[in-house]
Amino acid sequence: MEHKEIYDLLKTLGIPVAYNHFDVSQNAVPPFIAYRENTPDTFKADGRTYYRPYEFEIELVTEKKDVALEKTIEELLNTNNIPYDKSDEVWDEAEKIFHNFYEI
């Protein structure tokens, strides 16, 4: 999956989506998603790279625990045959927001 494909897929959720972060001028209000490319495990041999997959982290930011939105994201990934791992939820006390991370 490439950048445009993941962006287009995430936009179907109907909430703001940005690569890595929103500019301050955008004044993004939760819920929103930021996604970023992770360092992939590449297949290398004989001094060259044969396969370099794109791997992404999807960060869902909400003001309160939103089980329904999390389920919607997981169903979207499953429906599109995108395997994912979900990591621990993080509460940001200073910002008063939740962060949920999906690795695809």
PDB file of N, CA and C in Angstrom:
ATOM      1  N   MET A   1       0.856  -1.170   0.000  1.00  0.00           N
ATOM      2  CA  MET A   1       0.000   0.000   0.000  1.00  0.00           C
ATOM      3  C   MET A   1       0.900   1.229   0.000  1.00  0.00           C
ATOM      4  N   GLU A   2       0.570   2.175  -0.852  1.00  0.00           N
ATOM      5  CA  GLU A   2       1.372   3.384  -0.969  1.00  0.00           C
ATOM      6  C   GLU A   2       0.651   4.564  -0.323  1.00  0.00           C
ATOM      7  N   HIS A   3       1.341   5.697  -0.250  1.00  0.00           N
ATOM      8  CA  HIS A   3       0.824   6.875   0.460  1.00  0.00           C
ATOM      9  C   HIS A   3      -0.565   7.292  -0.005  1.00  0.00           C
ATOM     10  N   LYS A   4      -0.774   7.439  -1.291  1.00  0.00           N
ATOM     11  CA  LYS A   4      -2.069   7.899  -1.789  1.00  0.00           C
ATOM     12  C   LYS A   4      -3.172   6.908  -1.443  1.00  0.00           C
ATOM     13  N   GLU A   5      -2.870   5.631  -1.526  1.00  0.00           N
ATOM     14  CA  GLU A   5      -3.876   4.603  -1.222  1.00  0.00           C
ATOM     15  C   GLU A   5      -4.300   4.667   0.249  1.00  0.00           C
ATOM     16  N   ILE A   6      -3.343   4.777   1.155  1.00  0.00           N
ATOM     17  CA  ILE A   6      -3.702   4.827   2.575  1.00  0.00           C
ATOM     18  C   ILE A   6      -4.428   6.122   2.893  1.00  0.00           C
ATOM     19  N   TYR A   7      -4.002   7.227   2.290  1.00  0.00           N
ATOM     20  CA  TYR A   7      -4.676   8.507   2.503  1.00  0.00           C
ATOM     21  C   TYR A   7      -6.127   8.430   2.024  1.00  0.00           C
ATOM     22  N   ASP A   8      -6.332   7.959   0.812  1.00  0.00           N
ATOM     23  CA  ASP A   8      -7.696   7.855   0.261  1.00  0.00           C
ATOM     24  C   ASP A   8      -8.566   6.943   1.113  1.00  0.00           C
ATOM     25  N   LEU A   9      -8.014   5.855   1.590  1.00  0.00           N
ATOM     26  CA  LEU A   9      -8.765   4.930   2.435  1.00  0.00           C
ATOM     27  C   LEU A   9      -9.159   5.587   3.752  1.00  0.00           C
ATOM     28  N   LEU A  10      -8.225   6.268   4.403  1.00  0.00           N
ATOM     29  CA  LEU A  10      -8.507   6.915   5.681  1.00  0.00           C
ATOM     30  C   LEU A  10      -9.502   8.062   5.530  1.00  0.00           C
ATOM     31  N   LYS A  11      -9.489   8.752   4.402  1.00  0.00           N
ATOM     32  CA  LYS A  11     -10.433   9.853   4.167  1.00  0.00           C
ATOM     33  C   LYS A  11     -11.881   9.361   4.153  1.00  0.00           C
ATOM     34  N   THR A  12     -12.102   8.096   3.855  1.00  0.00           N
ATOM     35  CA  THR A  12     -13.472   7.569   3.833  1.00  0.00           C
ATOM     36  C   THR A  12     -14.092   7.537   5.225  1.00  0.00           C
ATOM     37  N   LEU A  13     -13.289   7.712   6.258  1.00  0.00           N
ATOM     38  CA  LEU A  13     -13.800   7.723   7.627  1.00  0.00           C
ATOM     39  C   LEU A  13     -14.557   9.010   7.950  1.00  0.00           C
ATOM     40  N   GLY A  14     -14.346  10.053   7.149  1.00  0.00           N
ATOM     41  CA  GLY A  14     -15.072  11.301   7.348  1.00  0.00           C
ATOM     42  C   GLY A  14     -14.525  12.199   8.445  1.00  0.00           C
ATOM     43  N   ILE A  15     -13.277  11.969   8.856  1.00  0.00           N
ATOM     44  CA  ILE A  15     -12.630  12.839   9.834  1.00  0.00           C
ATOM     45  C   ILE A  15     -11.344  13.372   9.201  1.00  0.00           C
ATOM     46  N   PRO A  16     -10.801  14.479   9.708  1.00  0.00           N
ATOM     47  CA  PRO A  16      -9.571  15.033   9.116  1.00  0.00           C
ATOM     48  C   PRO A  16      -8.415  14.030   9.151  1.00  0.00           C
ATOM     49  N   VAL A  17      -7.643  14.022   8.058  1.00  0.00           N
ATOM     50  CA  VAL A  17      -6.489  13.125   7.913  1.00  0.00           C
ATOM     51  C   VAL A  17      -5.314  13.949   7.401  1.00  0.00           C
ATOM     52  N   ALA A  18      -4.139  13.718   7.979  1.00  0.00           N
ATOM     53  CA  ALA A  18      -2.928  14.391   7.512  1.00  0.00           C
ATOM     54  C   ALA A  18      -1.754  13.435   7.603  1.00  0.00           C
ATOM     55  N   TYR A  19      -0.771  13.666   6.737  1.00  0.00           N
ATOM     56  CA  TYR A  19       0.462  12.908   6.846  1.00  0.00           C
ATOM     57  C   TYR A  19       1.318  13.524   7.947  1.00  0.00           C
ATOM     58  N   ASN A  20       1.663  12.750   8.929  1.00  0.00           N
ATOM     59  CA  ASN A  20       2.533  13.072  10.058  1.00  0.00           C
ATOM     60  C   ASN A  20       1.931  14.058  11.055  1.00  0.00           C
ATOM     61  N   HIS A  21       1.444  15.206  10.606  1.00  0.00           N
ATOM     62  CA  HIS A  21       0.914  16.190  11.550  1.00  0.00           C
ATOM     63  C   HIS A  21       0.062  17.206  10.794  1.00  0.00           C
ATOM     64  N   PHE A  22      -0.706  17.944  11.522  1.00  0.00           N
ATOM     65  CA  PHE A  22      -1.465  19.063  10.972  1.00  0.00           C
ATOM     66  C   PHE A  22      -0.682  20.335  11.246  1.00  0.00           C
ATOM     67  N   ASP A  23      -0.693  21.271  10.311  1.00  0.00           N
ATOM     68  CA  ASP A  23      -0.089  22.574  10.558  1.00  0.00           C
ATOM     69  C   ASP A  23      -0.894  23.292  11.635  1.00  0.00           C
ATOM     70  N   VAL A  24      -0.233  24.116  12.410  1.00  0.00           N
ATOM     71  CA  VAL A  24      -0.898  24.873  13.467  1.00  0.00           C
ATOM     72  C   VAL A  24      -2.058  25.676  12.891  1.00  0.00           C
ATOM     73  N   SER A  25      -1.879  26.202  11.698  1.00  0.00           N
ATOM     74  CA  SER A  25      -2.923  27.020  11.074  1.00  0.00           C
ATOM     75  C   SER A  25      -4.188  26.223  10.756  1.00  0.00           C
ATOM     76  N   GLN A  26      -4.062  24.891  10.678  1.00  0.00           N
ATOM     77  CA  GLN A  26      -5.224  24.056  10.380  1.00  0.00           C
ATOM     78  C   GLN A  26      -6.126  23.880  11.598  1.00  0.00           C
ATOM     79  N   ASN A  27      -5.587  24.111  12.788  1.00  0.00           N
ATOM     80  CA  ASN A  27      -6.364  24.029  14.016  1.00  0.00           C
ATOM     81  C   ASN A  27      -7.235  22.771  14.073  1.00  0.00           C
ATOM     82  N   ALA A  28      -6.620  21.627  13.883  1.00  0.00           N
ATOM     83  CA  ALA A  28      -7.346  20.354  13.879  1.00  0.00           C
ATOM     84  C   ALA A  28      -7.924  20.069  15.261  1.00  0.00           C
ATOM     85  N   VAL A  29      -9.197  19.712  15.271  1.00  0.00           N
ATOM     86  CA  VAL A  29      -9.903  19.385  16.504  1.00  0.00           C
ATOM     87  C   VAL A  29     -10.236  17.894  16.474  1.00  0.00           C
ATOM     88  N   PRO A  30      -9.935  17.158  17.536  1.00  0.00           N
ATOM     89  CA  PRO A  30     -10.241  15.732  17.561  1.00  0.00           C
ATOM     90  C   PRO A  30     -11.734  15.471  17.362  1.00  0.00           C
ATOM     91  N   PRO A  31     -12.077  14.354  16.749  1.00  0.00           N
ATOM     92  CA  PRO A  31     -11.178  13.282  16.328  1.00  0.00           C
ATOM     93  C   PRO A  31     -10.514  13.600  14.994  1.00  0.00           C
ATOM     94  N   PHE A  32      -9.260  13.145  14.875  1.00  0.00           N
ATOM     95  CA  PHE A  32      -8.549  13.232  13.609  1.00  0.00           C
ATOM     96  C   PHE A  32      -7.508  12.130  13.554  1.00  0.00           C
ATOM     97  N   ILE A  33      -6.970  11.939  12.358  1.00  0.00           N
ATOM     98  CA  ILE A  33      -5.963  10.900  12.133  1.00  0.00           C
ATOM     99  C   ILE A  33      -4.727  11.528  11.528  1.00  0.00           C
ATOM    100  N   ALA A  34      -3.570  11.133  12.047  1.00  0.00           N
ATOM    101  CA  ALA A  34      -2.286  11.437  11.424  1.00  0.00           C
ATOM    102  C   ALA A  34      -1.639  10.088  11.120  1.00  0.00           C
ATOM    103  N   TYR A  35      -1.099   9.963   9.938  1.00  0.00           N
ATOM    104  CA  TYR A  35      -0.409   8.714   9.605  1.00  0.00           C
ATOM    105  C   TYR A  35       1.004   9.051   9.153  1.00  0.00           C
ATOM    106  N   ARG A  36       1.887   8.103   9.354  1.00  0.00           N
ATOM    107  CA  ARG A  36       3.280   8.317   8.968  1.00  0.00           C
ATOM    108  C   ARG A  36       3.884   6.995   8.521  1.00  0.00           C
ATOM    109  N   GLU A  37       4.919   7.112   7.713  1.00  0.00           N
ATOM    110  CA  GLU A  37       5.607   5.923   7.215  1.00  0.00           C
ATOM    111  C   GLU A  37       6.601   5.446   8.259  1.00  0.00           C
ATOM    112  N   ASN A  38       6.596   4.155   8.527  1.00  0.00           N
ATOM    113  CA  ASN A  38       7.564   3.534   9.431  1.00  0.00           C
ATOM    114  C   ASN A  38       8.714   2.955   8.623  1.00  0.00           C
ATOM    115  N   THR A  39       9.814   2.701   9.276  1.00  0.00           N
ATOM    116  CA  THR A  39      10.936   2.046   8.624  1.00  0.00           C
ATOM    117  C   THR A  39      10.576   0.585   8.388  1.00  0.00           C
ATOM    118  N   PRO A  40      10.561   0.173   7.143  1.00  0.00           N
ATOM    119  CA  PRO A  40      10.133  -1.199   6.843  1.00  0.00           C
ATOM    120  C   PRO A  40      11.263  -2.207   7.008  1.00  0.00           C
ATOM    121  N   ASP A  41      10.864  -3.459   7.103  1.00  0.00           N
ATOM    122  CA  ASP A  41      11.817  -4.560   7.027  1.00  0.00           C
ATOM    123  C   ASP A  41      11.979  -4.866   5.548  1.00  0.00           C
ATOM    124  N   THR A  42      13.149  -4.622   5.028  1.00  0.00           N
ATOM    125  CA  THR A  42      13.383  -4.850   3.609  1.00  0.00           C
ATOM    126  C   THR A  42      14.021  -6.213   3.396  1.00  0.00           C
ATOM    127  N   PHE A  43      13.877  -6.725   2.188  1.00  0.00           N
ATOM    128  CA  PHE A  43      14.546  -7.964   1.812  1.00  0.00           C
ATOM    129  C   PHE A  43      15.744  -7.583   0.949  1.00  0.00           C
ATOM    130  N   LYS A  44      16.933  -7.899   1.460  1.00  0.00           N
ATOM    131  CA  LYS A  44      18.170  -7.548   0.772  1.00  0.00           C
ATOM    132  C   LYS A  44      19.026  -8.791   0.611  1.00  0.00           C
ATOM    133  N   ALA A  45      19.716  -8.835  -0.504  1.00  0.00           N
ATOM    134  CA  ALA A  45      20.679  -9.911  -0.746  1.00  0.00           C
ATOM    135  C   ALA A  45      21.613  -9.470  -1.858  1.00  0.00           C
ATOM    136  N   ASP A  46      22.813  -9.983  -1.841  1.00  0.00           N
ATOM    137  CA  ASP A  46      23.782  -9.723  -2.898  1.00  0.00           C
ATOM    138  C   ASP A  46      23.998  -8.229  -3.146  1.00  0.00           C
ATOM    139  N   GLY A  47      23.984  -7.441  -2.078  1.00  0.00           N
ATOM    140  CA  GLY A  47      24.276  -6.028  -2.200  1.00  0.00           C
ATOM    141  C   GLY A  47      23.169  -5.185  -2.816  1.00  0.00           C
ATOM    142  N   ARG A  48      21.938  -5.678  -2.827  1.00  0.00           N
ATOM    143  CA  ARG A  48      20.834  -4.870  -3.344  1.00  0.00           C
ATOM    144  C   ARG A  48      19.553  -5.152  -2.578  1.00  0.00           C
ATOM    145  N   THR A  49      18.638  -4.224  -2.669  1.00  0.00           N
ATOM    146  CA  THR A  49      17.335  -4.372  -2.028  1.00  0.00           C
ATOM    147  C   THR A  49      16.359  -4.920  -3.059  1.00  0.00           C
ATOM    148  N   TYR A  50      15.762  -6.072  -2.743  1.00  0.00           N
ATOM    149  CA  TYR A  50      14.817  -6.698  -3.658  1.00  0.00           C
ATOM    150  C   TYR A  50      13.372  -6.318  -3.354  1.00  0.00           C
ATOM    151  N   TYR A  51      13.101  -6.056  -2.087  1.00  0.00           N
ATOM    152  CA  TYR A  51      11.717  -5.765  -1.709  1.00  0.00           C
ATOM    153  C   TYR A  51      11.707  -4.757  -0.571  1.00  0.00           C
ATOM    154  N   ARG A  52      10.980  -3.663  -0.749  1.00  0.00           N
ATOM    155  CA  ARG A  52      10.848  -2.640   0.281  1.00  0.00           C
ATOM    156  C   ARG A  52       9.367  -2.288   0.410  1.00  0.00           C
ATOM    157  N   PRO A  53       8.702  -2.902   1.362  1.00  0.00           N
ATOM    158  CA  PRO A  53       7.277  -2.607   1.528  1.00  0.00           C
ATOM    159  C   PRO A  53       7.079  -1.268   2.232  1.00  0.00           C
ATOM    160  N   TYR A  54       5.932  -0.663   1.987  1.00  0.00           N
ATOM    161  CA  TYR A  54       5.567   0.517   2.750  1.00  0.00           C
ATOM    162  C   TYR A  54       4.876   0.049   4.023  1.00  0.00           C
ATOM    163  N   GLU A  55       5.292   0.572   5.147  1.00  0.00           N
ATOM    164  CA  GLU A  55       4.649   0.285   6.427  1.00  0.00           C
ATOM    165  C   GLU A  55       4.266   1.619   7.045  1.00  0.00           C
ATOM    166  N   PHE A  56       3.069   1.663   7.604  1.00  0.00           N
ATOM    167  CA  PHE A  56       2.563   2.914   8.150  1.00  0.00           C
ATOM    168  C   PHE A  56       2.088   2.739   9.586  1.00  0.00           C
ATOM    169  N   GLU A  57       2.114   3.840  10.301  1.00  0.00           N
ATOM    170  CA  GLU A  57       1.500   3.936  11.618  1.00  0.00           C
ATOM    171  C   GLU A  57       0.353   4.928  11.481  1.00  0.00           C
ATOM    172  N   ILE A  58      -0.812   4.509  11.922  1.00  0.00           N
ATOM    173  CA  ILE A  58      -1.994   5.361  11.915  1.00  0.00           C
ATOM    174  C   ILE A  58      -2.244   5.778  13.353  1.00  0.00           C
ATOM    175  N   GLU A  59      -2.326   7.069  13.581  1.00  0.00           N
ATOM    176  CA  GLU A  59      -2.565   7.595  14.927  1.00  0.00           C
ATOM    177  C   GLU A  59      -3.953   8.232  14.967  1.00  0.00           C
ATOM    178  N   LEU A  60      -4.823   7.660  15.760  1.00  0.00           N
ATOM    179  CA  LEU A  60      -6.156   8.212  15.980  1.00  0.00           C
ATOM    180  C   LEU A  60      -6.110   9.060  17.240  1.00  0.00           C
ATOM    181  N   VAL A  61      -6.551  10.300  17.130  1.00  0.00           N
ATOM    182  CA  VAL A  61      -6.557  11.226  18.275  1.00  0.00           C
ATOM    183  C   VAL A  61      -8.010  11.585  18.575  1.00  0.00           C
ATOM    184  N   THR A  62      -8.410  11.375  19.835  1.00  0.00           N
ATOM    185  CA  THR A  62      -9.778  11.683  20.263  1.00  0.00           C
ATOM    186  C   THR A  62      -9.754  12.382  21.615  1.00  0.00           C
ATOM    187  N   GLU A  63     -10.837  13.096  21.912  1.00  0.00           N
ATOM    188  CA  GLU A  63     -10.944  13.769  23.209  1.00  0.00           C
ATOM    189  C   GLU A  63     -11.459  12.834  24.294  1.00  0.00           C
ATOM    190  N   LYS A  64     -12.145  11.790  23.892  1.00  0.00           N
ATOM    191  CA  LYS A  64     -12.629  10.781  24.829  1.00  0.00           C
ATOM    192  C   LYS A  64     -12.508   9.421  24.160  1.00  0.00           C
ATOM    193  N   LYS A  65     -12.560   8.395  24.936  1.00  0.00           N
ATOM    194  CA  LYS A  65     -12.487   7.041  24.398  1.00  0.00           C
ATOM    195  C   LYS A  65     -13.630   6.862  23.408  1.00  0.00           C
ATOM    196  N   ASP A  66     -13.302   6.493  22.166  1.00  0.00           N
ATOM    197  CA  ASP A  66     -14.310   6.347  21.121  1.00  0.00           C
ATOM    198  C   ASP A  66     -14.251   4.937  20.552  1.00  0.00           C
ATOM    199  N   VAL A  67     -14.893   4.026  21.255  1.00  0.00           N
ATOM    200  CA  VAL A  67     -14.876   2.618  20.873  1.00  0.00           C
ATOM    201  C   VAL A  67     -15.470   2.430  19.482  1.00  0.00           C
ATOM    202  N   ALA A  68     -16.542   3.155  19.175  1.00  0.00           N
ATOM    203  CA  ALA A  68     -17.200   3.002  17.871  1.00  0.00           C
ATOM    204  C   ALA A  68     -16.264   3.406  16.736  1.00  0.00           C
ATOM    205  N   LEU A  69     -15.540   4.505  16.890  1.00  0.00           N
ATOM    206  CA  LEU A  69     -14.617   4.948  15.846  1.00  0.00           C
ATOM    207  C   LEU A  69     -13.457   3.968  15.708  1.00  0.00           C
ATOM    208  N   GLU A  70     -12.950   3.470  16.818  1.00  0.00           N
ATOM    209  CA  GLU A  70     -11.876   2.476  16.759  1.00  0.00           C
ATOM    210  C   GLU A  70     -12.352   1.234  16.008  1.00  0.00           C
ATOM    211  N   LYS A  71     -13.571   0.803  16.302  1.00  0.00           N
ATOM    212  CA  LYS A  71     -14.137  -0.372  15.626  1.00  0.00           C
ATOM    213  C   LYS A  71     -14.303  -0.095  14.129  1.00  0.00           C
ATOM    214  N   THR A  72     -14.713   1.115  13.774  1.00  0.00           N
ATOM    215  CA  THR A  72     -14.875   1.480  12.374  1.00  0.00           C
ATOM    216  C   THR A  72     -13.538   1.416  11.641  1.00  0.00           C
ATOM    217  N   ILE A  73     -12.481   1.914  12.264  1.00  0.00           N
ATOM    218  CA  ILE A  73     -11.147   1.851  11.664  1.00  0.00           C
ATOM    219  C   ILE A  73     -10.719   0.403  11.468  1.00  0.00           C
ATOM    220  N   GLU A  74     -10.930  -0.418  12.486  1.00  0.00           N
ATOM    221  CA  GLU A  74     -10.535  -1.825  12.405  1.00  0.00           C
ATOM    222  C   GLU A  74     -11.330  -2.555  11.334  1.00  0.00           C
ATOM    223  N   GLU A  75     -12.625  -2.252  11.206  1.00  0.00           N
ATOM    224  CA  GLU A  75     -13.444  -2.866  10.154  1.00  0.00           C
ATOM    225  C   GLU A  75     -12.983  -2.413   8.775  1.00  0.00           C
ATOM    226  N   LEU A  76     -12.602  -1.134   8.648  1.00  0.00           N
ATOM    227  CA  LEU A  76     -12.098  -0.617   7.378  1.00  0.00           C
ATOM    228  C   LEU A  76     -10.831  -1.369   6.969  1.00  0.00           C
ATOM    229  N   LEU A  77      -9.919  -1.552   7.900  1.00  0.00           N
ATOM    230  CA  LEU A  77      -8.685  -2.280   7.612  1.00  0.00           C
ATOM    231  C   LEU A  77      -8.982  -3.734   7.259  1.00  0.00           C
ATOM    232  N   ASN A  78      -9.850  -4.379   8.035  1.00  0.00           N
ATOM    233  CA  ASN A  78     -10.196  -5.774   7.765  1.00  0.00           C
ATOM    234  C   ASN A  78     -10.889  -5.940   6.420  1.00  0.00           C
ATOM    235  N   THR A  79     -11.832  -5.065   6.114  1.00  0.00           N
ATOM    236  CA  THR A  79     -12.571  -5.136   4.856  1.00  0.00           C
ATOM    237  C   THR A  79     -11.634  -5.007   3.657  1.00  0.00           C
ATOM    238  N   ASN A  80     -10.577  -4.238   3.828  1.00  0.00           N
ATOM    239  CA  ASN A  80      -9.621  -4.027   2.744  1.00  0.00           C
ATOM    240  C   ASN A  80      -8.418  -4.966   2.826  1.00  0.00           C
ATOM    241  N   ASN A  81      -8.552  -6.014   3.642  1.00  0.00           N
ATOM    242  CA  ASN A  81      -7.505  -7.037   3.786  1.00  0.00           C
ATOM    243  C   ASN A  81      -6.152  -6.444   4.153  1.00  0.00           C
ATOM    244  N   ILE A  82      -6.188  -5.507   5.096  1.00  0.00           N
ATOM    245  CA  ILE A  82      -4.966  -4.876   5.580  1.00  0.00           C
ATOM    246  C   ILE A  82      -4.706  -5.370   7.002  1.00  0.00           C
ATOM    247  N   PRO A  83      -3.704  -6.226   7.170  1.00  0.00           N
ATOM    248  CA  PRO A  83      -3.400  -6.687   8.525  1.00  0.00           C
ATOM    249  C   PRO A  83      -2.842  -5.533   9.358  1.00  0.00           C
ATOM    250  N   TYR A  84      -3.180  -5.531  10.638  1.00  0.00           N
ATOM    251  CA  TYR A  84      -2.737  -4.444  11.507  1.00  0.00           C
ATOM    252  C   TYR A  84      -2.446  -4.961  12.904  1.00  0.00           C
ATOM    253  N   ASP A  85      -1.666  -4.187  13.617  1.00  0.00           N
ATOM    254  CA  ASP A  85      -1.450  -4.377  15.048  1.00  0.00           C
ATOM    255  C   ASP A  85      -1.877  -3.084  15.708  1.00  0.00           C
ATOM    256  N   LYS A  86      -2.535  -3.210  16.834  1.00  0.00           N
ATOM    257  CA  LYS A  86      -2.935  -2.034  17.606  1.00  0.00           C
ATOM    258  C   LYS A  86      -2.099  -2.017  18.874  1.00  0.00           C
ATOM    259  N   SER A  87      -1.466  -0.881  19.145  1.00  0.00           N
ATOM    260  CA  SER A  87      -0.633  -0.792  20.343  1.00  0.00           C
ATOM    261  C   SER A  87      -1.427  -0.170  21.489  1.00  0.00           C
ATOM    262  N   ASP A  88      -0.771  -0.013  22.606  1.00  0.00           N
ATOM    263  CA  ASP A  88      -1.433   0.530  23.787  1.00  0.00           C
ATOM    264  C   ASP A  88      -1.974   1.931  23.535  1.00  0.00           C
ATOM    265  N   GLU A  89      -3.095   2.193  24.151  1.00  0.00           N
ATOM    266  CA  GLU A  89      -3.694   3.523  24.102  1.00  0.00           C
ATOM    267  C   GLU A  89      -2.898   4.442  25.034  1.00  0.00           C
ATOM    268  N   VAL A  90      -2.728   5.693  24.619  1.00  0.00           N
ATOM    269  CA  VAL A  90      -1.971   6.655  25.413  1.00  0.00           C
ATOM    270  C   VAL A  90      -2.862   7.847  25.744  1.00  0.00           C
ATOM    271  N   TRP A  91      -2.906   8.223  27.024  1.00  0.00           N
ATOM    272  CA  TRP A  91      -3.631   9.416  27.455  1.00  0.00           C
ATOM    273  C   TRP A  91      -2.608  10.523  27.633  1.00  0.00           C
ATOM    274  N   ASP A  92      -2.797  11.640  26.936  1.00  0.00           N
ATOM    275  CA  ASP A  92      -1.920  12.795  27.045  1.00  0.00           C
ATOM    276  C   ASP A  92      -2.564  13.778  28.013  1.00  0.00           C
ATOM    277  N   GLU A  93      -2.085  13.794  29.221  1.00  0.00           N
ATOM    278  CA  GLU A  93      -2.667  14.615  30.283  1.00  0.00           C
ATOM    279  C   GLU A  93      -2.593  16.104  29.944  1.00  0.00           C
ATOM    280  N   ALA A  94      -1.478  16.541  29.398  1.00  0.00           N
ATOM    281  CA  ALA A  94      -1.299  17.960  29.084  1.00  0.00           C
ATOM    282  C   ALA A  94      -2.282  18.436  28.017  1.00  0.00           C
ATOM    283  N   GLU A  95      -2.503  17.619  27.009  1.00  0.00           N
ATOM    284  CA  GLU A  95      -3.395  17.999  25.905  1.00  0.00           C
ATOM    285  C   GLU A  95      -4.838  17.529  26.131  1.00  0.00           C
ATOM    286  N   LYS A  96      -5.022  16.616  27.091  1.00  0.00           N
ATOM    287  CA  LYS A  96      -6.349  16.050  27.383  1.00  0.00           C
ATOM    288  C   LYS A  96      -6.920  15.321  26.165  1.00  0.00           C
ATOM    289  N   ILE A  97      -6.074  14.465  25.565  1.00  0.00           N
ATOM    290  CA  ILE A  97      -6.502  13.677  24.416  1.00  0.00           C
ATOM    291  C   ILE A  97      -5.960  12.253  24.500  1.00  0.00           C
ATOM    292  N   PHE A  98      -6.669  11.353  23.845  1.00  0.00           N
ATOM    293  CA  PHE A  98      -6.257   9.956  23.719  1.00  0.00           C
ATOM    294  C   PHE A  98      -5.559   9.761  22.374  1.00  0.00           C
ATOM    295  N   HIS A  99      -4.555   8.888  22.381  1.00  0.00           N
ATOM    296  CA  HIS A  99      -3.864   8.485  21.155  1.00  0.00           C
ATOM    297  C   HIS A  99      -3.996   6.959  21.043  1.00  0.00           C
ATOM    298  N   ASN A 100      -4.473   6.494  19.898  1.00  0.00           N
ATOM    299  CA  ASN A 100      -4.503   5.061  19.584  1.00  0.00           C
ATOM    300  C   ASN A 100      -3.689   4.867  18.323  1.00  0.00           C
ATOM    301  N   PHE A 101      -2.823   3.854  18.333  1.00  0.00           N
ATOM    302  CA  PHE A 101      -1.911   3.615  17.217  1.00  0.00           C
ATOM    303  C   PHE A 101      -2.182   2.275  16.569  1.00  0.00           C
ATOM    304  N   TYR A 102      -2.237   2.293  15.239  1.00  0.00           N
ATOM    305  CA  TYR A 102      -2.368   1.078  14.443  1.00  0.00           C
ATOM    306  C   TYR A 102      -1.159   1.013  13.538  1.00  0.00           C
ATOM    307  N   GLU A 103      -0.529  -0.154  13.478  1.00  0.00           N
ATOM    308  CA  GLU A 103       0.593  -0.358  12.571  1.00  0.00           C
ATOM    309  C   GLU A 103       0.138  -1.273  11.455  1.00  0.00           C
ATOM    310  N   ILE A 104       0.346  -0.801  10.220  1.00  0.00           N
ATOM    311  CA  ILE A 104      -0.056  -1.617   9.070  1.00  0.00           C
ATOM    312  C   ILE A 104       1.121  -1.809   8.137  1.00  0.00           C
TER     313      ILE A 104
END
